[in-house]
Amino acid sequence: MIYKTRRRYRGEPICADPTVDPKENETALHFSAGDRYLWISSYEPAIVSRLLGHPDFRIGHLVLMNTNGRECVVGVVGKLPIGALSIGRSRPSDSHEFIVVRKKCSEARRCRVRHVTTKRPRKKRKPSKKPAKR
């Protein structure tokens, strides 16, 4: 079976690659500090489906192959705003597809980029033994 790549999604079905073990289907996220977007690649059908349906997802390329006489999408690489992910927050289940939020980032408050600082927490001050000033 031969893989093909394309830059546009034309409504092809999404399926698992039959040539690999399901445990080998992976998803990878790539971003650096200060980035507003991340690069994501996935070969898990549930995540591929969620990404292709997300209004803020920008396709880099699709990975397609012919299975059972039809062309289907087995993987995708593209860009997504970092705020469109739900990592470190509770999700309704442990299913992988729930890391991709369905809402468009301009409609969801949590898609805004928040700057994280690494300040150390302040130490509590010990009460002074001196009498209070009057």
N, C-alpha and C. Protein backbone atom coordinates (compact mmCIF):
# COMPACT_ATOMS: atom_id res chain seq x y z
N MET A 1 0.84 -1.18 0.00
CA MET A 1 0.00 0.00 0.00
C MET A 1 0.89 1.24 0.00
N ILE A 2 0.50 2.20 -0.79
CA ILE A 2 1.29 3.41 -0.96
C ILE A 2 0.55 4.59 -0.32
N TYR A 3 1.32 5.40 0.38
CA TYR A 3 0.77 6.61 0.99
C TYR A 3 0.84 7.76 0.00
N LYS A 4 -0.14 8.66 0.09
CA LYS A 4 -0.14 9.89 -0.69
C LYS A 4 -0.35 11.04 0.28
N THR A 5 0.09 12.22 -0.10
CA THR A 5 -0.18 13.40 0.72
C THR A 5 -0.94 14.42 -0.12
N ARG A 6 -1.71 15.21 0.59
CA ARG A 6 -2.51 16.26 -0.07
C ARG A 6 -2.67 17.39 0.94
N ARG A 7 -2.90 18.59 0.45
CA ARG A 7 -3.06 19.75 1.33
C ARG A 7 -4.51 20.10 1.63
N ARG A 8 -5.45 19.53 0.92
CA ARG A 8 -6.87 19.85 1.14
C ARG A 8 -7.67 18.61 1.48
N TYR A 9 -8.58 18.81 2.41
CA TYR A 9 -9.49 17.72 2.79
C TYR A 9 -10.73 17.82 1.92
N ARG A 10 -11.08 16.72 1.28
CA ARG A 10 -12.22 16.70 0.35
C ARG A 10 -13.34 15.78 0.82
N GLY A 11 -13.41 15.55 2.12
CA GLY A 11 -14.48 14.73 2.67
C GLY A 11 -14.23 13.23 2.64
N GLU A 12 -13.00 12.81 2.40
CA GLU A 12 -12.68 11.39 2.40
C GLU A 12 -12.95 10.81 3.79
N PRO A 13 -13.29 9.52 3.86
CA PRO A 13 -13.48 8.90 5.17
C PRO A 13 -12.15 8.85 5.93
N ILE A 14 -12.24 8.80 7.24
CA ILE A 14 -11.07 8.72 8.10
C ILE A 14 -11.00 7.29 8.61
N CYS A 15 -9.85 6.66 8.47
CA CYS A 15 -9.73 5.28 8.92
C CYS A 15 -8.35 5.02 9.48
N ALA A 16 -8.22 3.93 10.19
CA ALA A 16 -6.93 3.52 10.75
C ALA A 16 -6.11 2.86 9.65
N ASP A 17 -4.83 3.05 9.70
CA ASP A 17 -3.91 2.43 8.74
C ASP A 17 -3.88 0.92 9.03
N PRO A 18 -4.34 0.09 8.08
CA PRO A 18 -4.39 -1.35 8.34
C PRO A 18 -3.01 -2.02 8.34
N THR A 19 -1.98 -1.29 7.92
CA THR A 19 -0.65 -1.89 7.85
C THR A 19 0.13 -1.79 9.16
N VAL A 20 -0.42 -1.06 10.15
CA VAL A 20 0.27 -0.92 11.43
C VAL A 20 -0.62 -1.38 12.58
N ASP A 21 0.00 -1.79 13.66
CA ASP A 21 -0.72 -2.18 14.86
C ASP A 21 -1.40 -0.93 15.44
N PRO A 22 -2.64 -1.03 15.92
CA PRO A 22 -3.32 0.15 16.48
C PRO A 22 -2.52 0.86 17.57
N LYS A 23 -1.67 0.14 18.29
CA LYS A 23 -0.85 0.77 19.32
C LYS A 23 0.22 1.68 18.74
N GLU A 24 0.50 1.53 17.44
CA GLU A 24 1.52 2.36 16.79
C GLU A 24 0.96 3.68 16.28
N ASN A 25 -0.36 3.83 16.26
CA ASN A 25 -0.95 5.11 15.86
C ASN A 25 -0.64 6.13 16.95
N GLU A 26 0.01 7.21 16.58
CA GLU A 26 0.43 8.16 17.59
C GLU A 26 0.02 9.58 17.26
N THR A 27 0.08 10.43 18.28
CA THR A 27 -0.19 11.85 18.14
C THR A 27 0.97 12.59 18.78
N ALA A 28 1.47 13.63 18.11
CA ALA A 28 2.59 14.40 18.65
C ALA A 28 2.25 15.88 18.59
N LEU A 29 2.60 16.60 19.65
CA LEU A 29 2.40 18.04 19.75
C LEU A 29 3.77 18.70 19.81
N HIS A 30 3.94 19.80 19.08
CA HIS A 30 5.22 20.49 19.04
C HIS A 30 5.00 21.99 19.21
N PHE A 31 5.55 22.57 20.29
CA PHE A 31 5.50 24.01 20.47
C PHE A 31 6.60 24.43 21.44
N SER A 32 6.93 25.72 21.40
CA SER A 32 7.95 26.27 22.27
C SER A 32 7.33 27.35 23.14
N ALA A 33 8.05 27.76 24.16
CA ALA A 33 7.57 28.83 25.04
C ALA A 33 7.28 30.08 24.21
N GLY A 34 6.16 30.70 24.47
CA GLY A 34 5.80 31.92 23.76
C GLY A 34 5.04 31.70 22.46
N ASP A 35 4.98 30.47 21.97
CA ASP A 35 4.24 30.19 20.72
C ASP A 35 2.73 30.33 20.96
N ARG A 36 2.04 30.84 19.98
CA ARG A 36 0.58 30.92 20.05
C ARG A 36 -0.07 29.73 19.34
N TYR A 37 0.67 29.11 18.44
CA TYR A 37 0.17 27.94 17.71
C TYR A 37 1.09 26.76 17.96
N LEU A 38 0.56 25.57 17.79
CA LEU A 38 1.38 24.38 17.90
C LEU A 38 1.22 23.58 16.62
N TRP A 39 2.23 22.79 16.33
CA TRP A 39 2.14 21.83 15.23
C TRP A 39 1.69 20.52 15.84
N ILE A 40 0.73 19.89 15.21
CA ILE A 40 0.23 18.61 15.70
C ILE A 40 0.20 17.63 14.54
N SER A 41 0.65 16.42 14.82
CA SER A 41 0.53 15.34 13.82
C SER A 41 -0.16 14.19 14.53
N SER A 42 -1.10 13.56 13.84
CA SER A 42 -1.82 12.45 14.46
C SER A 42 -2.16 11.38 13.42
N TYR A 43 -2.12 10.15 13.90
CA TYR A 43 -2.52 9.00 13.09
C TYR A 43 -3.58 8.20 13.85
N GLU A 44 -4.18 8.81 14.87
CA GLU A 44 -5.29 8.20 15.61
C GLU A 44 -6.58 8.70 14.97
N PRO A 45 -7.40 7.82 14.43
CA PRO A 45 -8.60 8.25 13.70
C PRO A 45 -9.51 9.21 14.49
N ALA A 46 -9.68 9.00 15.79
CA ALA A 46 -10.56 9.88 16.57
C ALA A 46 -10.01 11.30 16.63
N ILE A 47 -8.69 11.42 16.78
CA ILE A 47 -8.10 12.76 16.84
C ILE A 47 -8.06 13.40 15.46
N VAL A 48 -7.76 12.61 14.43
CA VAL A 48 -7.77 13.13 13.06
C VAL A 48 -9.15 13.72 12.74
N SER A 49 -10.19 12.99 13.11
CA SER A 49 -11.55 13.46 12.88
C SER A 49 -11.83 14.76 13.62
N ARG A 50 -11.42 14.83 14.88
CA ARG A 50 -11.65 16.03 15.69
C ARG A 50 -10.88 17.22 15.13
N LEU A 51 -9.64 17.00 14.68
CA LEU A 51 -8.85 18.09 14.10
C LEU A 51 -9.47 18.60 12.81
N LEU A 52 -9.85 17.69 11.92
CA LEU A 52 -10.41 18.12 10.64
C LEU A 52 -11.74 18.86 10.81
N GLY A 53 -12.44 18.59 11.91
CA GLY A 53 -13.69 19.28 12.17
C GLY A 53 -13.54 20.57 12.96
N HIS A 54 -12.33 20.87 13.43
CA HIS A 54 -12.12 22.07 14.23
C HIS A 54 -11.98 23.29 13.34
N PRO A 55 -12.74 24.36 13.62
CA PRO A 55 -12.71 25.53 12.73
C PRO A 55 -11.36 26.27 12.69
N ASP A 56 -10.52 26.13 13.72
CA ASP A 56 -9.24 26.84 13.75
C ASP A 56 -8.06 25.99 13.28
N PHE A 57 -8.29 24.74 12.94
CA PHE A 57 -7.21 23.86 12.50
C PHE A 57 -6.83 24.19 11.07
N ARG A 58 -5.52 24.33 10.83
CA ARG A 58 -4.99 24.60 9.49
C ARG A 58 -4.16 23.40 9.05
N ILE A 59 -4.59 22.78 7.97
CA ILE A 59 -3.93 21.56 7.47
C ILE A 59 -2.58 21.90 6.85
N GLY A 60 -1.54 21.18 7.29
CA GLY A 60 -0.24 21.23 6.63
C GLY A 60 -0.27 20.23 5.49
N HIS A 61 -0.59 18.98 5.83
CA HIS A 61 -0.86 17.97 4.82
C HIS A 61 -1.60 16.79 5.43
N LEU A 62 -2.34 16.10 4.58
CA LEU A 62 -3.06 14.89 4.94
C LEU A 62 -2.26 13.70 4.44
N VAL A 63 -2.34 12.59 5.16
CA VAL A 63 -1.73 11.34 4.71
C VAL A 63 -2.88 10.43 4.32
N LEU A 64 -2.91 10.00 3.05
CA LEU A 64 -3.99 9.17 2.53
C LEU A 64 -3.45 7.85 2.02
N MET A 65 -4.33 6.87 1.98
CA MET A 65 -3.98 5.58 1.37
C MET A 65 -5.26 4.91 0.88
N ASN A 66 -5.11 3.99 -0.06
CA ASN A 66 -6.25 3.22 -0.56
C ASN A 66 -6.42 1.99 0.32
N THR A 67 -7.60 1.87 0.91
CA THR A 67 -7.94 0.68 1.69
C THR A 67 -9.29 0.18 1.22
N ASN A 68 -9.39 -1.08 0.95
CA ASN A 68 -10.63 -1.69 0.47
C ASN A 68 -11.21 -0.97 -0.74
N GLY A 69 -10.33 -0.55 -1.64
CA GLY A 69 -10.76 0.07 -2.89
C GLY A 69 -11.20 1.52 -2.77
N ARG A 70 -10.99 2.15 -1.62
CA ARG A 70 -11.35 3.56 -1.48
C ARG A 70 -10.22 4.32 -0.81
N GLU A 71 -10.10 5.60 -1.15
CA GLU A 71 -9.07 6.43 -0.56
C GLU A 71 -9.58 6.98 0.77
N CYS A 72 -8.76 6.87 1.80
CA CYS A 72 -9.17 7.41 3.10
C CYS A 72 -7.98 8.08 3.79
N VAL A 73 -8.31 8.95 4.74
CA VAL A 73 -7.31 9.70 5.49
C VAL A 73 -6.84 8.84 6.66
N VAL A 74 -5.52 8.64 6.77
CA VAL A 74 -4.98 7.87 7.88
C VAL A 74 -4.13 8.73 8.82
N GLY A 75 -3.86 9.97 8.42
CA GLY A 75 -3.07 10.85 9.27
C GLY A 75 -3.17 12.28 8.81
N VAL A 76 -2.79 13.20 9.72
CA VAL A 76 -2.84 14.62 9.40
C VAL A 76 -1.74 15.35 10.16
N VAL A 77 -1.22 16.41 9.53
CA VAL A 77 -0.25 17.30 10.16
C VAL A 77 -0.76 18.71 9.93
N GLY A 78 -0.75 19.54 10.98
CA GLY A 78 -1.23 20.90 10.81
C GLY A 78 -0.99 21.76 12.04
N LYS A 79 -1.55 23.00 12.00
CA LYS A 79 -1.39 23.97 13.08
C LYS A 79 -2.72 24.20 13.78
N LEU A 80 -2.62 24.48 15.08
CA LEU A 80 -3.80 24.71 15.91
C LEU A 80 -3.41 25.70 17.00
N PRO A 81 -4.31 26.65 17.34
CA PRO A 81 -3.98 27.54 18.47
C PRO A 81 -3.79 26.71 19.74
N ILE A 82 -2.80 27.05 20.53
CA ILE A 82 -2.52 26.29 21.74
C ILE A 82 -3.73 26.24 22.66
N GLY A 83 -4.50 27.32 22.70
CA GLY A 83 -5.67 27.37 23.57
C GLY A 83 -6.77 26.42 23.17
N ALA A 84 -6.68 25.79 22.01
CA ALA A 84 -7.71 24.85 21.57
C ALA A 84 -7.50 23.46 22.16
N LEU A 85 -6.47 23.31 22.99
CA LEU A 85 -6.22 22.02 23.62
C LEU A 85 -6.68 22.05 25.07
N SER A 86 -7.03 20.89 25.57
CA SER A 86 -7.44 20.76 26.96
C SER A 86 -6.49 19.78 27.64
N ILE A 87 -5.35 20.31 28.06
CA ILE A 87 -4.35 19.49 28.72
C ILE A 87 -4.21 20.01 30.14
N GLY A 88 -4.23 19.11 31.09
CA GLY A 88 -4.10 19.52 32.47
C GLY A 88 -5.42 19.92 33.10
N ARG A 89 -6.49 19.80 32.36
CA ARG A 89 -7.82 20.07 32.88
C ARG A 89 -8.59 18.76 32.83
N SER A 90 -9.56 18.64 33.69
CA SER A 90 -10.32 17.40 33.67
C SER A 90 -11.15 17.34 32.39
N ARG A 91 -11.27 16.14 31.86
CA ARG A 91 -12.04 15.91 30.64
C ARG A 91 -13.11 14.89 30.98
N PRO A 92 -14.16 14.78 30.13
CA PRO A 92 -15.22 13.83 30.44
C PRO A 92 -14.79 12.37 30.40
N SER A 93 -13.64 12.09 29.78
CA SER A 93 -13.16 10.71 29.72
C SER A 93 -11.67 10.73 29.40
N ASP A 94 -11.04 9.56 29.45
CA ASP A 94 -9.63 9.45 29.11
C ASP A 94 -9.40 9.28 27.61
N SER A 95 -10.46 9.32 26.81
CA SER A 95 -10.32 9.16 25.37
C SER A 95 -9.45 10.28 24.82
N HIS A 96 -8.56 9.94 23.93
CA HIS A 96 -7.60 10.89 23.40
C HIS A 96 -8.25 12.04 22.64
N GLU A 97 -9.36 11.80 21.95
CA GLU A 97 -9.92 12.87 21.12
C GLU A 97 -10.39 14.06 21.93
N PHE A 98 -10.60 13.90 23.24
CA PHE A 98 -11.09 15.01 24.06
C PHE A 98 -10.02 16.04 24.38
N ILE A 99 -8.76 15.83 23.93
CA ILE A 99 -7.77 16.89 24.14
C ILE A 99 -8.00 18.04 23.17
N VAL A 100 -8.72 17.81 22.07
CA VAL A 100 -9.02 18.86 21.10
C VAL A 100 -10.41 19.41 21.42
N VAL A 101 -10.48 20.68 21.79
CA VAL A 101 -11.74 21.33 22.12
C VAL A 101 -12.51 21.60 20.83
N ARG A 102 -13.81 21.42 20.86
CA ARG A 102 -14.61 21.59 19.65
C ARG A 102 -14.86 23.04 19.26
N LYS A 103 -14.89 23.96 20.22
CA LYS A 103 -15.25 25.35 19.93
C LYS A 103 -14.17 26.07 19.15
N LYS A 104 -14.62 27.05 18.37
CA LYS A 104 -13.70 27.92 17.67
C LYS A 104 -13.04 28.82 18.70
N CYS A 105 -11.77 29.08 18.56
CA CYS A 105 -11.05 29.83 19.58
C CYS A 105 -11.58 31.24 19.76
N SER A 106 -12.09 31.88 18.74
CA SER A 106 -12.61 33.23 18.92
C SER A 106 -13.91 33.21 19.74
N GLU A 107 -14.56 32.05 19.86
CA GLU A 107 -15.80 31.95 20.62
C GLU A 107 -15.57 31.44 22.04
N ALA A 108 -14.42 30.87 22.31
CA ALA A 108 -14.16 30.25 23.61
C ALA A 108 -13.15 31.10 24.38
N ARG A 109 -13.48 31.45 25.60
CA ARG A 109 -12.59 32.29 26.40
C ARG A 109 -11.27 31.58 26.67
N ARG A 110 -11.29 30.27 26.87
CA ARG A 110 -10.08 29.59 27.26
C ARG A 110 -9.09 29.39 26.11
N CYS A 111 -9.45 29.78 24.91
CA CYS A 111 -8.51 29.67 23.80
C CYS A 111 -7.54 30.84 23.77
N ARG A 112 -7.80 31.87 24.58
CA ARG A 112 -6.88 32.99 24.62
C ARG A 112 -5.55 32.52 25.21
N VAL A 113 -4.49 33.07 24.68
CA VAL A 113 -3.17 32.69 25.16
C VAL A 113 -2.92 33.40 26.47
N ARG A 114 -2.53 32.65 27.47
CA ARG A 114 -2.20 33.21 28.77
C ARG A 114 -0.71 33.06 28.98
N HIS A 115 -0.11 34.11 29.49
CA HIS A 115 1.32 34.05 29.75
C HIS A 115 1.54 33.48 31.14
N VAL A 116 2.41 32.52 31.23
CA VAL A 116 2.70 31.86 32.50
C VAL A 116 4.03 32.39 33.01
N THR A 117 4.05 32.80 34.26
CA THR A 117 5.31 33.24 34.84
C THR A 117 5.82 32.17 35.78
N THR A 118 7.08 32.19 36.02
CA THR A 118 7.68 31.18 36.89
C THR A 118 8.22 31.83 38.16
N LYS A 119 7.45 32.75 38.74
CA LYS A 119 7.87 33.39 39.98
C LYS A 119 7.78 32.40 41.13
N ARG A 120 8.70 32.54 42.05
CA ARG A 120 8.67 31.70 43.24
C ARG A 120 7.60 32.23 44.19
N PRO A 121 6.92 31.33 44.89
CA PRO A 121 5.93 31.79 45.84
C PRO A 121 6.61 32.54 46.99
N ARG A 122 5.93 33.58 47.48
CA ARG A 122 6.47 34.36 48.58
C ARG A 122 6.46 33.53 49.86
N LYS A 123 7.50 33.73 50.63
CA LYS A 123 7.56 33.07 51.92
C LYS A 123 6.72 33.86 52.92
N LYS A 124 6.12 33.15 53.83
CA LYS A 124 5.34 33.81 54.86
C LYS A 124 6.29 34.53 55.81
N ARG A 125 5.90 35.74 56.18
CA ARG A 125 6.73 36.50 57.11
C ARG A 125 6.45 36.03 58.53
N LYS A 126 7.51 35.95 59.28
CA LYS A 126 7.36 35.61 60.69
C LYS A 126 6.87 36.85 61.42
N PRO A 127 5.98 36.67 62.40
CA PRO A 127 5.51 37.84 63.13
C PRO A 127 6.66 38.49 63.89
N SER A 128 6.66 39.79 63.88
CA SER A 128 7.71 40.55 64.52
C SER A 128 7.53 40.52 66.04
N LYS A 129 8.64 40.53 66.76
CA LYS A 129 8.60 40.52 68.22
C LYS A 129 8.52 41.93 68.79
N LYS A 130 8.69 42.91 67.92
CA LYS A 130 8.63 44.30 68.35
C LYS A 130 7.18 44.69 68.57
N PRO A 131 6.94 45.56 69.54
CA PRO A 131 5.57 46.02 69.75
C PRO A 131 5.11 46.88 68.58
N ALA A 132 3.85 46.85 68.27
CA ALA A 132 3.29 47.61 67.16
C ALA A 132 3.40 49.09 67.41
N LYS A 133 3.64 49.88 66.38
CA LYS A 133 3.74 51.34 66.48
C LYS A 133 2.35 51.93 66.63
N ARG A 134 2.31 52.98 67.48
CA ARG A 134 1.00 53.64 67.68
C ARG A 134 0.97 54.99 67.10
